[in-house]
Protein backbone atom coordinates (compact mmCIF):
# COMPACT_ATOMS: atom_id res chain seq x y z
CA MET A 1 14.84 21.87 -60.19
CA ALA A 2 17.26 22.57 -57.71
CA LYS A 3 16.81 22.12 -53.67
CA SER A 4 16.96 25.15 -51.41
CA ASP A 5 19.93 25.09 -48.73
CA ASP A 6 17.21 26.98 -46.50
CA GLY A 7 15.50 23.63 -45.72
CA GLN A 8 19.01 21.73 -44.55
CA GLY A 9 20.04 25.07 -42.72
CA PHE A 10 16.77 24.71 -40.62
CA ALA A 11 17.32 21.26 -40.31
CA VAL A 12 20.52 21.24 -38.65
CA ALA A 13 19.97 23.94 -36.14
CA LYS A 14 16.53 22.09 -35.20
CA GLY A 15 19.12 19.15 -34.65
CA ALA A 16 21.52 21.24 -32.71
CA LEU A 17 19.10 22.61 -30.27
CA LEU A 18 17.33 18.99 -29.41
CA ALA A 19 20.88 18.33 -28.50
CA LEU A 20 21.34 21.16 -26.38
CA GLY A 21 17.97 20.45 -24.88
CA GLY A 22 19.04 16.95 -23.92
CA LEU A 23 22.55 17.74 -22.80
CA ALA A 24 20.24 20.26 -20.49
CA ALA A 25 17.93 17.37 -19.44
CA ILE A 26 20.75 15.40 -18.64
CA ALA A 27 22.68 17.48 -16.80
CA ILE A 28 19.44 18.78 -14.59
CA GLY A 29 19.00 14.71 -13.97
CA LEU A 30 22.57 14.60 -12.52
CA SER A 31 22.47 17.38 -10.42
CA LEU A 32 19.36 16.13 -8.94
CA LEU A 33 20.56 12.38 -8.39
CA PRO A 34 22.28 13.46 -5.12
CA ALA A 35 19.19 14.70 -3.73
CA VAL A 36 17.24 11.61 -4.83
CA TRP A 37 19.70 9.35 -3.18
CA GLY A 38 19.74 11.05 -0.09
CA LEU A 39 15.66 10.54 0.17
CA LEU A 40 16.29 7.09 -0.91
CA LYS A 41 18.73 6.27 2.15
CA LEU A 42 16.32 8.10 4.48
CA SER A 43 13.18 5.99 3.52
CA MET A 44 15.19 3.07 3.75
CA ILE A 45 16.47 3.96 7.34
CA VAL A 46 12.89 4.94 8.23
CA GLY A 47 11.73 1.38 6.64
CA VAL A 48 13.96 -0.50 8.92
CA ILE A 49 12.83 1.32 12.02
CA ALA A 50 9.34 0.53 11.31
CA GLY A 51 10.17 -2.96 10.17
CA ALA A 52 11.73 -3.75 13.64
CA GLY A 53 8.81 -1.90 15.76
CA TYR A 54 6.32 -4.14 14.06
CA LEU A 55 8.27 -6.96 14.86
CA GLY A 56 8.90 -6.09 18.28
CA TYR A 57 4.99 -5.16 18.52
CA ARG A 58 4.00 -8.83 17.08
CA ALA A 59 6.88 -10.71 19.07
CA PHE A 60 6.34 -8.99 22.41
CA GLY A 61 2.96 -7.34 22.85
CA LYS A 62 0.12 -8.82 24.71
CA THR A 63 -3.06 -7.22 23.29
CA LYS A 64 -6.71 -7.64 24.27
CA GLU A 65 -7.51 -9.06 20.65
CA LEU A 66 -5.27 -11.78 20.64
CA GLN A 67 -6.12 -12.83 24.00
CA ALA A 68 -9.55 -12.72 22.90
CA GLY A 69 -8.47 -15.45 20.16
CA LYS A 70 -7.25 -17.81 22.48
CA GLU A 71 -9.99 -17.48 24.81
CA ARG A 72 -12.59 -18.36 22.07
CA LYS A 73 -10.53 -21.76 20.93
CA ALA A 74 -10.69 -22.91 24.50
CA LEU A 75 -14.51 -23.39 24.76
CA SER A 76 -15.76 -26.84 25.81
CA SER A 77 -18.45 -28.34 24.08
CA ALA A 78 -21.16 -27.35 26.63
CA ASP A 79 -20.22 -23.75 26.15
CA PHE A 80 -20.62 -24.50 22.36
CA ASP A 81 -23.80 -26.09 22.48
CA ARG A 82 -25.41 -23.57 24.87
CA GLN A 83 -24.33 -20.80 22.73
CA MET A 84 -25.89 -22.82 19.53
CA ARG A 85 -29.03 -23.32 21.63
CA GLU A 86 -29.16 -19.32 22.43
CA LEU A 87 -28.75 -18.72 18.33
CA ASP A 88 -31.18 -21.64 17.49
CA HIS A 89 -33.97 -19.47 19.65
CA LEU A 90 -33.01 -16.32 18.25
CA ASP A 91 -33.23 -17.40 14.73
CA ARG A 92 -36.75 -18.59 15.84
CA GLN A 93 -37.89 -15.50 17.35
CA LEU A 94 -36.73 -13.67 14.15
CA ASP A 95 -39.06 -16.01 12.13
CA ASN A 96 -41.82 -15.20 14.12
CA GLU A 97 -41.38 -11.60 13.76
CA ILE A 98 -41.10 -11.89 9.93
CA ARG A 99 -44.30 -14.18 9.98
CA LYS A 100 -46.16 -11.28 11.80
CA ARG A 101 -45.51 -8.84 9.77
CA SER A 102 -45.89 -10.39 6.29
């Protein structure tokens, strides 16, 4: 049996179209490279500015949240004991409420 040349011709045409499609994809990718590079540079600049702003905020910012944390650390033992007594009293009240309802 002799092989037909039609199958080989189709394979060559298919290979040529695949090669041309690959070249077109590479060309499109290379044409988009400057735009991607510009966005990358822009995002780096914005990132550096945002990082500097955050570091400045952390270094020089005096917010109420940070001050409240410092005040909590400075509680005396008398204040701690008073707060513990208040919590115990509230705990007993809640226990009594639970007992009444059950």
